[in-house]
Amino acid sequence: MARNTTKPWDNKHPPQPGAKVHLNAAQIEQARERAEAAGRRYPNLVDNMYVAAQARKQAARKLA
């Protein structure tokens, strides 16, 4: 059986799935509305990720 002889610290980092998206004021408001609709007082990671994904989709449509 062949072994991988490279050290973990010599390997390259895996590619990142997507660029970071910083939410603007309108997107933060969308996340707050989504949290309120779900009965939460403040938006959580899921709300922020959903809004960020929507922003990525819109940006991809503009480039295509």
PDB file of N, CA and C in Angstrom:
ATOM      1  N   MET A   1       0.848  -1.169   0.000  1.00  0.00           N
ATOM      2  CA  MET A   1       0.000   0.000   0.000  1.00  0.00           C
ATOM      3  C   MET A   1       0.897   1.237   0.000  1.00  0.00           C
ATOM      4  N   ALA A   2       0.630   2.149  -0.911  1.00  0.00           N
ATOM      5  CA  ALA A   2       1.432   3.372  -1.016  1.00  0.00           C
ATOM      6  C   ALA A   2       0.980   4.376   0.024  1.00  0.00           C
ATOM      7  N   ARG A   3       1.948   5.051   0.608  1.00  0.00           N
ATOM      8  CA  ARG A   3       1.639   6.069   1.610  1.00  0.00           C
ATOM      9  C   ARG A   3       1.915   7.444   1.043  1.00  0.00           C
ATOM     10  N   ASN A   4       1.162   8.396   1.522  1.00  0.00           N
ATOM     11  CA  ASN A   4       1.393   9.791   1.145  1.00  0.00           C
ATOM     12  C   ASN A   4       2.569  10.284   1.979  1.00  0.00           C
ATOM     13  N   THR A   5       3.666  10.659   1.322  1.00  0.00           N
ATOM     14  CA  THR A   5       4.873  11.026   2.054  1.00  0.00           C
ATOM     15  C   THR A   5       4.976  12.517   2.330  1.00  0.00           C
ATOM     16  N   THR A   6       4.034  13.309   1.853  1.00  0.00           N
ATOM     17  CA  THR A   6       4.099  14.749   2.117  1.00  0.00           C
ATOM     18  C   THR A   6       3.551  15.038   3.509  1.00  0.00           C
ATOM     19  N   LYS A   7       4.106  16.040   4.119  1.00  0.00           N
ATOM     20  CA  LYS A   7       3.673  16.456   5.442  1.00  0.00           C
ATOM     21  C   LYS A   7       2.424  17.332   5.305  1.00  0.00           C
ATOM     22  N   PRO A   8       1.539  17.307   6.273  1.00  0.00           N
ATOM     23  CA  PRO A   8       0.316  18.120   6.184  1.00  0.00           C
ATOM     24  C   PRO A   8       0.612  19.604   5.997  1.00  0.00           C
ATOM     25  N   TRP A   9       1.668  20.100   6.622  1.00  0.00           N
ATOM     26  CA  TRP A   9       1.973  21.527   6.517  1.00  0.00           C
ATOM     27  C   TRP A   9       2.606  21.892   5.185  1.00  0.00           C
ATOM     28  N   ASP A  10       2.991  20.888   4.382  1.00  0.00           N
ATOM     29  CA  ASP A  10       3.527  21.150   3.047  1.00  0.00           C
ATOM     30  C   ASP A  10       2.432  21.183   1.987  1.00  0.00           C
ATOM     31  N   ASN A  11       1.260  20.690   2.314  1.00  0.00           N
ATOM     32  CA  ASN A  11       0.151  20.674   1.359  1.00  0.00           C
ATOM     33  C   ASN A  11      -0.439  22.067   1.207  1.00  0.00           C
ATOM     34  N   LYS A  12      -0.980  22.325   0.034  1.00  0.00           N
ATOM     35  CA  LYS A  12      -1.657  23.589  -0.207  1.00  0.00           C
ATOM     36  C   LYS A  12      -3.032  23.565   0.448  1.00  0.00           C
ATOM     37  N   HIS A  13      -3.540  24.749   0.757  1.00  0.00           N
ATOM     38  CA  HIS A  13      -4.880  24.851   1.317  1.00  0.00           C
ATOM     39  C   HIS A  13      -5.902  24.505   0.245  1.00  0.00           C
ATOM     40  N   PRO A  14      -7.011  23.879   0.622  1.00  0.00           N
ATOM     41  CA  PRO A  14      -8.050  23.600  -0.373  1.00  0.00           C
ATOM     42  C   PRO A  14      -8.679  24.909  -0.844  1.00  0.00           C
ATOM     43  N   PRO A  15      -9.187  24.947  -2.063  1.00  0.00           N
ATOM     44  CA  PRO A  15      -9.813  26.182  -2.560  1.00  0.00           C
ATOM     45  C   PRO A  15     -11.046  26.539  -1.738  1.00  0.00           C
ATOM     46  N   GLN A  16     -11.256  27.810  -1.550  1.00  0.00           N
ATOM     47  CA  GLN A  16     -12.409  28.283  -0.792  1.00  0.00           C
ATOM     48  C   GLN A  16     -13.657  28.170  -1.660  1.00  0.00           C
ATOM     49  N   PRO A  17     -14.805  27.833  -1.075  1.00  0.00           N
ATOM     50  CA  PRO A  17     -16.013  27.640  -1.865  1.00  0.00           C
ATOM     51  C   PRO A  17     -16.545  28.917  -2.492  1.00  0.00           C
ATOM     52  N   GLY A  18     -16.297  30.051  -1.899  1.00  0.00           N
ATOM     53  CA  GLY A  18     -16.791  31.305  -2.455  1.00  0.00           C
ATOM     54  C   GLY A  18     -16.169  32.481  -1.742  1.00  0.00           C
ATOM     55  N   ALA A  19     -16.230  33.614  -2.387  1.00  0.00           N
ATOM     56  CA  ALA A  19     -15.675  34.813  -1.777  1.00  0.00           C
ATOM     57  C   ALA A  19     -16.555  35.264  -0.616  1.00  0.00           C
ATOM     58  N   LYS A  20     -15.943  35.917   0.336  1.00  0.00           N
ATOM     59  CA  LYS A  20     -16.707  36.442   1.460  1.00  0.00           C
ATOM     60  C   LYS A  20     -17.602  37.565   0.973  1.00  0.00           C
ATOM     61  N   VAL A  21     -18.778  37.625   1.537  1.00  0.00           N
ATOM     62  CA  VAL A  21     -19.730  38.665   1.175  1.00  0.00           C
ATOM     63  C   VAL A  21     -20.017  39.487   2.422  1.00  0.00           C
ATOM     64  N   HIS A  22     -19.773  40.766   2.347  1.00  0.00           N
ATOM     65  CA  HIS A  22     -20.109  41.660   3.438  1.00  0.00           C
ATOM     66  C   HIS A  22     -21.496  42.224   3.157  1.00  0.00           C
ATOM     67  N   LEU A  23     -22.391  42.082   4.111  1.00  0.00           N
ATOM     68  CA  LEU A  23     -23.763  42.527   3.919  1.00  0.00           C
ATOM     69  C   LEU A  23     -23.857  44.040   4.053  1.00  0.00           C
ATOM     70  N   ASN A  24     -24.605  44.644   3.135  1.00  0.00           N
ATOM     71  CA  ASN A  24     -24.841  46.080   3.242  1.00  0.00           C
ATOM     72  C   ASN A  24     -26.088  46.301   4.102  1.00  0.00           C
ATOM     73  N   ALA A  25     -26.470  47.546   4.288  1.00  0.00           N
ATOM     74  CA  ALA A  25     -27.579  47.871   5.193  1.00  0.00           C
ATOM     75  C   ALA A  25     -28.885  47.221   4.752  1.00  0.00           C
ATOM     76  N   ALA A  26     -29.149  47.214   3.452  1.00  0.00           N
ATOM     77  CA  ALA A  26     -30.396  46.614   2.952  1.00  0.00           C
ATOM     78  C   ALA A  26     -30.410  45.105   3.193  1.00  0.00           C
ATOM     79  N   GLN A  27     -29.276  44.463   3.016  1.00  0.00           N
ATOM     80  CA  GLN A  27     -29.205  43.022   3.223  1.00  0.00           C
ATOM     81  C   GLN A  27     -29.327  42.668   4.700  1.00  0.00           C
ATOM     82  N   ILE A  28     -28.773  43.506   5.572  1.00  0.00           N
ATOM     83  CA  ILE A  28     -28.919  43.286   7.005  1.00  0.00           C
ATOM     84  C   ILE A  28     -30.387  43.388   7.400  1.00  0.00           C
ATOM     85  N   GLU A  29     -31.077  44.337   6.787  1.00  0.00           N
ATOM     86  CA  GLU A  29     -32.509  44.489   7.058  1.00  0.00           C
ATOM     87  C   GLU A  29     -33.281  43.261   6.577  1.00  0.00           C
ATOM     88  N   GLN A  30     -32.890  42.699   5.423  1.00  0.00           N
ATOM     89  CA  GLN A  30     -33.536  41.472   4.936  1.00  0.00           C
ATOM     90  C   GLN A  30     -33.335  40.332   5.934  1.00  0.00           C
ATOM     91  N   ALA A  31     -32.141  40.222   6.476  1.00  0.00           N
ATOM     92  CA  ALA A  31     -31.855  39.167   7.458  1.00  0.00           C
ATOM     93  C   ALA A  31     -32.679  39.378   8.720  1.00  0.00           C
ATOM     94  N   ARG A  32     -32.829  40.618   9.141  1.00  0.00           N
ATOM     95  CA  ARG A  32     -33.638  40.914  10.330  1.00  0.00           C
ATOM     96  C   ARG A  32     -35.104  40.542  10.094  1.00  0.00           C
ATOM     97  N   GLU A  33     -35.613  40.873   8.896  1.00  0.00           N
ATOM     98  CA  GLU A  33     -36.998  40.538   8.571  1.00  0.00           C
ATOM     99  C   GLU A  33     -37.202  39.028   8.532  1.00  0.00           C
ATOM    100  N   ARG A  34     -36.236  38.327   7.987  1.00  0.00           N
ATOM    101  CA  ARG A  34     -36.323  36.874   7.921  1.00  0.00           C
ATOM    102  C   ARG A  34     -36.330  36.275   9.330  1.00  0.00           C
ATOM    103  N   ALA A  35     -35.501  36.817  10.213  1.00  0.00           N
ATOM    104  CA  ALA A  35     -35.461  36.325  11.596  1.00  0.00           C
ATOM    105  C   ALA A  35     -36.771  36.618  12.307  1.00  0.00           C
ATOM    106  N   GLU A  36     -37.304  37.800  12.096  1.00  0.00           N
ATOM    107  CA  GLU A  36     -38.570  38.175  12.738  1.00  0.00           C
ATOM    108  C   GLU A  36     -39.697  37.264  12.263  1.00  0.00           C
ATOM    109  N   ALA A  37     -39.705  36.942  10.969  1.00  0.00           N
ATOM    110  CA  ALA A  37     -40.740  36.057  10.429  1.00  0.00           C
ATOM    111  C   ALA A  37     -40.644  34.662  11.039  1.00  0.00           C
ATOM    112  N   ALA A  38     -39.421  34.270  11.423  1.00  0.00           N
ATOM    113  CA  ALA A  38     -39.218  32.956  12.033  1.00  0.00           C
ATOM    114  C   ALA A  38     -39.405  32.996  13.546  1.00  0.00           C
ATOM    115  N   GLY A  39     -39.699  34.175  14.086  1.00  0.00           N
ATOM    116  CA  GLY A  39     -39.939  34.280  15.516  1.00  0.00           C
ATOM    117  C   GLY A  39     -38.695  34.519  16.352  1.00  0.00           C
ATOM    118  N   ARG A  40     -37.604  34.909  15.714  1.00  0.00           N
ATOM    119  CA  ARG A  40     -36.384  35.192  16.448  1.00  0.00           C
ATOM    120  C   ARG A  40     -36.209  36.694  16.589  1.00  0.00           C
ATOM    121  N   ARG A  41     -35.605  37.103  17.680  1.00  0.00           N
ATOM    122  CA  ARG A  41     -35.442  38.524  17.940  1.00  0.00           C
ATOM    123  C   ARG A  41     -34.339  39.135  17.073  1.00  0.00           C
ATOM    124  N   TYR A  42     -33.270  38.360  16.863  1.00  0.00           N
ATOM    125  CA  TYR A  42     -32.126  38.834  16.078  1.00  0.00           C
ATOM    126  C   TYR A  42     -31.799  37.813  14.996  1.00  0.00           C
ATOM    127  N   PRO A  43     -31.232  38.250  13.872  1.00  0.00           N
ATOM    128  CA  PRO A  43     -30.835  37.293  12.840  1.00  0.00           C
ATOM    129  C   PRO A  43     -29.658  36.439  13.310  1.00  0.00           C
ATOM    130  N   ASN A  44     -29.664  35.196  12.913  1.00  0.00           N
ATOM    131  CA  ASN A  44     -28.552  34.321  13.257  1.00  0.00           C
ATOM    132  C   ASN A  44     -27.754  33.997  11.997  1.00  0.00           C
ATOM    133  N   LEU A  45     -26.823  33.091  12.110  1.00  0.00           N
ATOM    134  CA  LEU A  45     -25.942  32.748  11.002  1.00  0.00           C
ATOM    135  C   LEU A  45     -26.728  32.274   9.785  1.00  0.00           C
ATOM    136  N   VAL A  46     -27.778  31.512  10.002  1.00  0.00           N
ATOM    137  CA  VAL A  46     -28.562  30.977   8.891  1.00  0.00           C
ATOM    138  C   VAL A  46     -29.214  32.106   8.095  1.00  0.00           C
ATOM    139  N   ASP A  47     -29.739  33.095   8.780  1.00  0.00           N
ATOM    140  CA  ASP A  47     -30.353  34.231   8.101  1.00  0.00           C
ATOM    141  C   ASP A  47     -29.316  34.993   7.285  1.00  0.00           C
ATOM    142  N   ASN A  48     -28.159  35.233   7.892  1.00  0.00           N
ATOM    143  CA  ASN A  48     -27.098  35.955   7.188  1.00  0.00           C
ATOM    144  C   ASN A  48     -26.583  35.172   5.991  1.00  0.00           C
ATOM    145  N   MET A  49     -26.455  33.849   6.145  1.00  0.00           N
ATOM    146  CA  MET A  49     -25.975  33.021   5.035  1.00  0.00           C
ATOM    147  C   MET A  49     -26.977  33.011   3.889  1.00  0.00           C
ATOM    148  N   TYR A  50     -28.261  32.972   4.207  1.00  0.00           N
ATOM    149  CA  TYR A  50     -29.288  32.973   3.169  1.00  0.00           C
ATOM    150  C   TYR A  50     -29.233  34.270   2.360  1.00  0.00           C
ATOM    151  N   VAL A  51     -29.137  35.391   3.050  1.00  0.00           N
ATOM    152  CA  VAL A  51     -29.097  36.688   2.369  1.00  0.00           C
ATOM    153  C   VAL A  51     -27.813  36.808   1.547  1.00  0.00           C
ATOM    154  N   ALA A  52     -26.699  36.325   2.078  1.00  0.00           N
ATOM    155  CA  ALA A  52     -25.432  36.369   1.347  1.00  0.00           C
ATOM    156  C   ALA A  52     -25.494  35.503   0.088  1.00  0.00           C
ATOM    157  N   ALA A  53     -26.138  34.342   0.188  1.00  0.00           N
ATOM    158  CA  ALA A  53     -26.279  33.469  -0.981  1.00  0.00           C
ATOM    159  C   ALA A  53     -27.123  34.141  -2.052  1.00  0.00           C
ATOM    160  N   GLN A  54     -28.191  34.835  -1.621  1.00  0.00           N
ATOM    161  CA  GLN A  54     -29.016  35.558  -2.584  1.00  0.00           C
ATOM    162  C   GLN A  54     -28.204  36.657  -3.261  1.00  0.00           C
ATOM    163  N   ALA A  55     -27.340  37.326  -2.518  1.00  0.00           N
ATOM    164  CA  ALA A  55     -26.492  38.383  -3.084  1.00  0.00           C
ATOM    165  C   ALA A  55     -25.513  37.799  -4.097  1.00  0.00           C
ATOM    166  N   ARG A  56     -24.948  36.612  -3.791  1.00  0.00           N
ATOM    167  CA  ARG A  56     -24.028  35.966  -4.730  1.00  0.00           C
ATOM    168  C   ARG A  56     -24.746  35.584  -6.017  1.00  0.00           C
ATOM    169  N   LYS A  57     -25.984  35.075  -5.893  1.00  0.00           N
ATOM    170  CA  LYS A  57     -26.754  34.683  -7.075  1.00  0.00           C
ATOM    171  C   LYS A  57     -27.056  35.895  -7.950  1.00  0.00           C
ATOM    172  N   GLN A  58     -27.425  37.001  -7.320  1.00  0.00           N
ATOM    173  CA  GLN A  58     -27.708  38.210  -8.092  1.00  0.00           C
ATOM    174  C   GLN A  58     -26.454  38.730  -8.776  1.00  0.00           C
ATOM    175  N   ALA A  59     -25.323  38.663  -8.111  1.00  0.00           N
ATOM    176  CA  ALA A  59     -24.056  39.116  -8.709  1.00  0.00           C
ATOM    177  C   ALA A  59     -23.677  38.206  -9.887  1.00  0.00           C
ATOM    178  N   ALA A  60     -23.918  36.909  -9.756  1.00  0.00           N
ATOM    179  CA  ALA A  60     -23.610  35.994 -10.843  1.00  0.00           C
ATOM    180  C   ALA A  60     -24.498  36.251 -12.050  1.00  0.00           C
ATOM    181  N   ARG A  61     -25.768  36.587 -11.790  1.00  0.00           N
ATOM    182  CA  ARG A  61     -26.679  36.887 -12.913  1.00  0.00           C
ATOM    183  C   ARG A  61     -26.245  38.149 -13.645  1.00  0.00           C
ATOM    184  N   LYS A  62     -25.737  39.134 -12.912  1.00  0.00           N
ATOM    185  CA  LYS A  62     -25.293  40.376 -13.550  1.00  0.00           C
ATOM    186  C   LYS A  62     -24.063  40.140 -14.418  1.00  0.00           C
ATOM    187  N   LEU A  63     -23.187  39.219 -14.000  1.00  0.00           N
ATOM    188  CA  LEU A  63     -21.975  38.932 -14.774  1.00  0.00           C
ATOM    189  C   LEU A  63     -22.267  38.087 -15.993  1.00  0.00           C
ATOM    190  N   ALA A  64     -23.317  37.282 -15.940  1.00  0.00           N
ATOM    191  CA  ALA A  64     -23.622  36.366 -17.061  1.00  0.00           C
ATOM    192  C   ALA A  64     -24.332  37.067 -18.193  1.00  0.00           C
TER     193      ALA A  64
END
